[in-house]
C-alpha atoms as a PDB file:
ATOM      1  CA  UNK A   1     -97.791 -71.260  67.834  1.00  0.00           C
ATOM      2  CA  UNK A   2     -97.417 -71.302  64.078  1.00  0.00           C
ATOM      3  CA  UNK A   3    -100.090 -70.673  61.899  1.00  0.00           C
ATOM      4  CA  UNK A   4    -100.514 -74.460  60.222  1.00  0.00           C
ATOM      5  CA  UNK A   5    -100.476 -75.525  63.643  1.00  0.00           C
ATOM      6  CA  UNK A   6    -103.195 -73.221  65.059  1.00  0.00           C
ATOM      7  CA  UNK A   7    -105.498 -74.167  61.758  1.00  0.00           C
ATOM      8  CA  UNK A   8    -105.328 -77.720  62.537  1.00  0.00           C
ATOM      9  CA  UNK A   9    -105.939 -77.169  66.344  1.00  0.00           C
ATOM     10  CA  UNK A  10    -108.806 -74.814  65.414  1.00  0.00           C
ATOM     11  CA  UNK A  11    -110.415 -77.827  62.727  1.00  0.00           C
ATOM     12  CA  UNK A  12    -109.438 -80.125  65.437  1.00  0.00           C
ATOM     13  CA  UNK A  13    -111.632 -77.967  68.271  1.00  0.00           C
ATOM     14  CA  UNK A  14    -114.580 -77.682  65.504  1.00  0.00           C
ATOM     15  CA  UNK A  15    -114.865 -81.447  64.829  1.00  0.00           C
ATOM     16  CA  UNK A  16    -114.465 -82.546  68.288  1.00  0.00           C
ATOM     17  CA  UNK A  17    -117.811 -79.937  68.830  1.00  0.00           C
ATOM     18  CA  UNK A  18    -119.652 -80.942  66.442  1.00  0.00           C
ATOM     19  CA  UNK A  19    -119.391 -85.000  67.705  1.00  0.00           C
ATOM     20  CA  UNK A  20    -119.735 -83.629  71.302  1.00  0.00           C
ATOM     21  CA  UNK A  21    -122.496 -81.918  70.755  1.00  0.00           C
ATOM     22  CA  UNK A  22    -124.396 -84.751  68.161  1.00  0.00           C
ATOM     23  CA  UNK A  23    -123.437 -87.026  71.677  1.00  0.00           C
ATOM     24  CA  UNK A  24    -124.980 -84.791  73.682  1.00  0.00           C
ATOM     25  CA  UNK A  25    -128.178 -84.411  71.827  1.00  0.00           C
ATOM     26  CA  UNK A  26    -128.078 -88.522  71.558  1.00  0.00           C
ATOM     27  CA  UNK A  27    -128.367 -88.799  75.000  1.00  0.00           C
ATOM     28  CA  UNK A  28    -131.370 -86.453  75.535  1.00  0.00           C
ATOM     29  CA  UNK A  29    -129.998 -83.341  76.465  1.00  0.00           C
ATOM     30  CA  UNK A  30    -130.946 -80.077  74.882  1.00  0.00           C
ATOM     31  CA  UNK A  31    -130.498 -76.120  74.648  1.00  0.00           C
ATOM     32  CA  UNK A  32    -128.366 -74.366  76.834  1.00  0.00           C
ATOM     33  CA  UNK A  33    -127.304 -77.720  78.769  1.00  0.00           C
ATOM     34  CA  UNK A  34    -126.265 -79.783  75.615  1.00  0.00           C
ATOM     35  CA  UNK A  35    -124.182 -76.780  74.631  1.00  0.00           C
ATOM     36  CA  UNK A  36    -122.202 -76.671  78.079  1.00  0.00           C
ATOM     37  CA  UNK A  37    -122.128 -80.124  78.132  1.00  0.00           C
ATOM     38  CA  UNK A  38    -120.473 -79.993  74.246  1.00  0.00           C
ATOM     39  CA  UNK A  39    -118.316 -77.289  75.341  1.00  0.00           C
ATOM     40  CA  UNK A  40    -117.046 -78.881  78.212  1.00  0.00           C
ATOM     41  CA  UNK A  41    -116.333 -81.888  76.852  1.00  0.00           C
ATOM     42  CA  UNK A  42    -114.469 -80.400  73.652  1.00  0.00           C
ATOM     43  CA  UNK A  43    -112.420 -78.540  76.067  1.00  0.00           C
ATOM     44  CA  UNK A  44    -111.387 -81.413  77.826  1.00  0.00           C
ATOM     45  CA  UNK A  45    -110.472 -83.211  74.714  1.00  0.00           C
ATOM     46  CA  UNK A  46    -108.645 -80.551  73.202  1.00  0.00           C
ATOM     47  CA  UNK A  47    -106.624 -80.074  75.866  1.00  0.00           C
ATOM     48  CA  UNK A  48    -104.122 -82.867  75.127  1.00  0.00           C
ATOM     49  CA  UNK A  49    -103.250 -82.420  71.375  1.00  0.00           C
ATOM     50  CA  UNK A  50    -103.024 -78.474  72.428  1.00  0.00           C
ATOM     51  CA  UNK A  51    -100.789 -79.152  75.118  1.00  0.00           C
ATOM     52  CA  UNK A  52    -102.241 -76.671  77.580  1.00  0.00           C
ATOM     53  CA  UNK A  53    -105.395 -76.510  79.249  1.00  0.00           C
ATOM     54  CA  UNK A  54    -108.402 -75.455  76.532  1.00  0.00           C
ATOM     55  CA  UNK A  55    -110.824 -73.486  78.802  1.00  0.00           C
ATOM     56  CA  UNK A  56    -114.558 -73.652  77.531  1.00  0.00           C
ATOM     57  CA  UNK A  57    -114.280 -69.807  77.082  1.00  0.00           C
ATOM     58  CA  UNK A  58    -111.913 -70.682  74.297  1.00  0.00           C
ATOM     59  CA  UNK A  59    -113.930 -73.621  72.616  1.00  0.00           C
ATOM     60  CA  UNK A  60    -116.980 -71.066  72.679  1.00  0.00           C
ATOM     61  CA  UNK A  61    -115.132 -68.390  70.691  1.00  0.00           C
ATOM     62  CA  UNK A  62    -113.506 -70.193  68.234  1.00  0.00           C
ATOM     63  CA  UNK A  63    -117.262 -72.141  67.513  1.00  0.00           C
ATOM     64  CA  UNK A  64    -118.638 -68.506  67.402  1.00  0.00           C
ATOM     65  CA  UNK A  65    -116.048 -67.648  65.160  1.00  0.00           C
ATOM     66  CA  UNK A  66    -116.380 -70.444  62.975  1.00  0.00           C
ATOM     67  CA  UNK A  67    -120.675 -69.505  62.726  1.00  0.00           C
ATOM     68  CA  UNK A  68    -119.404 -66.209  62.003  1.00  0.00           C
ATOM     69  CA  UNK A  69    -117.482 -67.030  59.031  1.00  0.00           C
ATOM     70  CA  UNK A  70    -119.712 -69.886  57.886  1.00  0.00           C
ATOM     71  CA  UNK A  71    -117.353 -72.577  58.608  1.00  0.00           C
ATOM     72  CA  UNK A  72    -119.516 -74.682  60.665  1.00  0.00           C
ATOM     73  CA  UNK A  73    -120.326 -78.455  59.879  1.00  0.00           C
ATOM     74  CA  UNK A  74    -123.629 -77.895  58.378  1.00  0.00           C
ATOM     75  CA  UNK A  75    -122.361 -74.786  56.013  1.00  0.00           C
ATOM     76  CA  UNK A  76    -119.172 -77.092  54.946  1.00  0.00           C
ATOM     77  CA  UNK A  77    -121.322 -79.761  53.560  1.00  0.00           C
ATOM     78  CA  UNK A  78    -123.234 -77.403  50.793  1.00  0.00           C
ATOM     79  CA  UNK A  79    -120.769 -76.190  48.028  1.00  0.00           C
ATOM     80  CA  UNK A  80    -122.842 -73.034  47.217  1.00  0.00           C
ATOM     81  CA  UNK A  81    -125.491 -70.705  48.152  1.00  0.00           C
ATOM     82  CA  UNK A  82    -128.194 -72.438  45.819  1.00  0.00           C
ATOM     83  CA  UNK A  83    -127.427 -75.862  47.223  1.00  0.00           C
ATOM     84  CA  UNK A  84    -128.193 -74.455  50.739  1.00  0.00           C
ATOM     85  CA  UNK A  85    -131.008 -72.692  49.643  1.00  0.00           C
ATOM     86  CA  UNK A  86    -132.557 -76.098  48.030  1.00  0.00           C
ATOM     87  CA  UNK A  87    -132.220 -77.896  51.296  1.00  0.00           C
ATOM     88  CA  UNK A  88    -134.560 -75.175  53.128  1.00  0.00           C
ATOM     89  CA  UNK A  89    -138.146 -76.861  53.404  1.00  0.00           C
ATOM     90  CA  UNK A  90    -140.311 -75.160  51.001  1.00  0.00           C
ATOM     91  CA  UNK A  91    -142.996 -72.473  51.939  1.00  0.00           C
ATOM     92  CA  UNK A  92    -146.827 -72.359  51.308  1.00  0.00           C
ATOM     93  CA  UNK A  93    -147.270 -70.022  48.616  1.00  0.00           C
ATOM     94  CA  UNK A  94    -149.115 -66.853  49.784  1.00  0.00           C
ATOM     95  CA  UNK A  95    -152.754 -66.859  48.648  1.00  0.00           C
ATOM     96  CA  UNK A  96    -154.745 -63.620  48.266  1.00  0.00           C
ATOM     97  CA  UNK A  97    -157.834 -63.233  50.185  1.00  0.00           C
ATOM     98  CA  UNK A  98    -159.519 -60.495  48.232  1.00  0.00           C
ATOM     99  CA  UNK A  99    -162.770 -60.201  51.104  1.00  0.00           C
ATOM    100  CA  UNK A 100    -160.611 -60.007  54.029  1.00  0.00           C
ATOM    101  CA  UNK A 101    -159.195 -56.582  53.498  1.00  0.00           C
ATOM    102  CA  UNK A 102    -162.301 -54.601  53.157  1.00  0.00           C
ATOM    103  CA  UNK A 103    -163.530 -56.620  56.494  1.00  0.00           C
ATOM    104  CA  UNK A 104    -160.470 -55.693  58.855  1.00  0.00           C
ATOM    105  CA  UNK A 105    -160.682 -52.641  57.606  1.00  0.00           C
ATOM    106  CA  UNK A 106    -164.520 -51.542  58.337  1.00  0.00           C
ATOM    107  CA  UNK A 107    -163.966 -53.541  61.280  1.00  0.00           C
ATOM    108  CA  UNK A 108    -161.114 -51.017  62.039  1.00  0.00           C
ATOM    109  CA  UNK A 109    -162.735 -48.137  61.601  1.00  0.00           C
ATOM    110  CA  UNK A 110    -160.971 -46.902  58.272  1.00  0.00           C
ATOM    111  CA  UNK A 111    -162.279 -44.051  56.473  1.00  0.00           C
ATOM    112  CA  UNK A 112    -162.693 -45.489  52.803  1.00  0.00           C
ATOM    113  CA  UNK A 113    -163.229 -49.067  53.467  1.00  0.00           C
ATOM    114  CA  UNK A 114    -166.518 -49.234  51.426  1.00  0.00           C
ATOM    115  CA  UNK A 115    -164.145 -48.505  48.314  1.00  0.00           C
ATOM    116  CA  UNK A 116    -162.118 -51.559  48.971  1.00  0.00           C
ATOM    117  CA  UNK A 117    -165.232 -53.885  48.665  1.00  0.00           C
END
């Protein structure tokens, strides 16, 4: 297979896998069961355009390679790392609790715990 054909097939497989994963989740499947069903569905649908039988292992190899390279669907939607960071949920700021440390140190029997107070 030529390089452009391989690239097109890879993009087709990744798109099919994204859709198969969404379909499995919509049917109420989660975790490993949803992933297995998505792999089987993707391998079945990709076999036609590939003009050969695609196995789940081949599909999994392509999906894992794409995830490592950051080509998965969720990574392609954000153009820059700053945009991806902006989409993450904000964390609560850390607050200092000044009296907590001496109490913990004293409870643990640490030498010099009185100086921390």
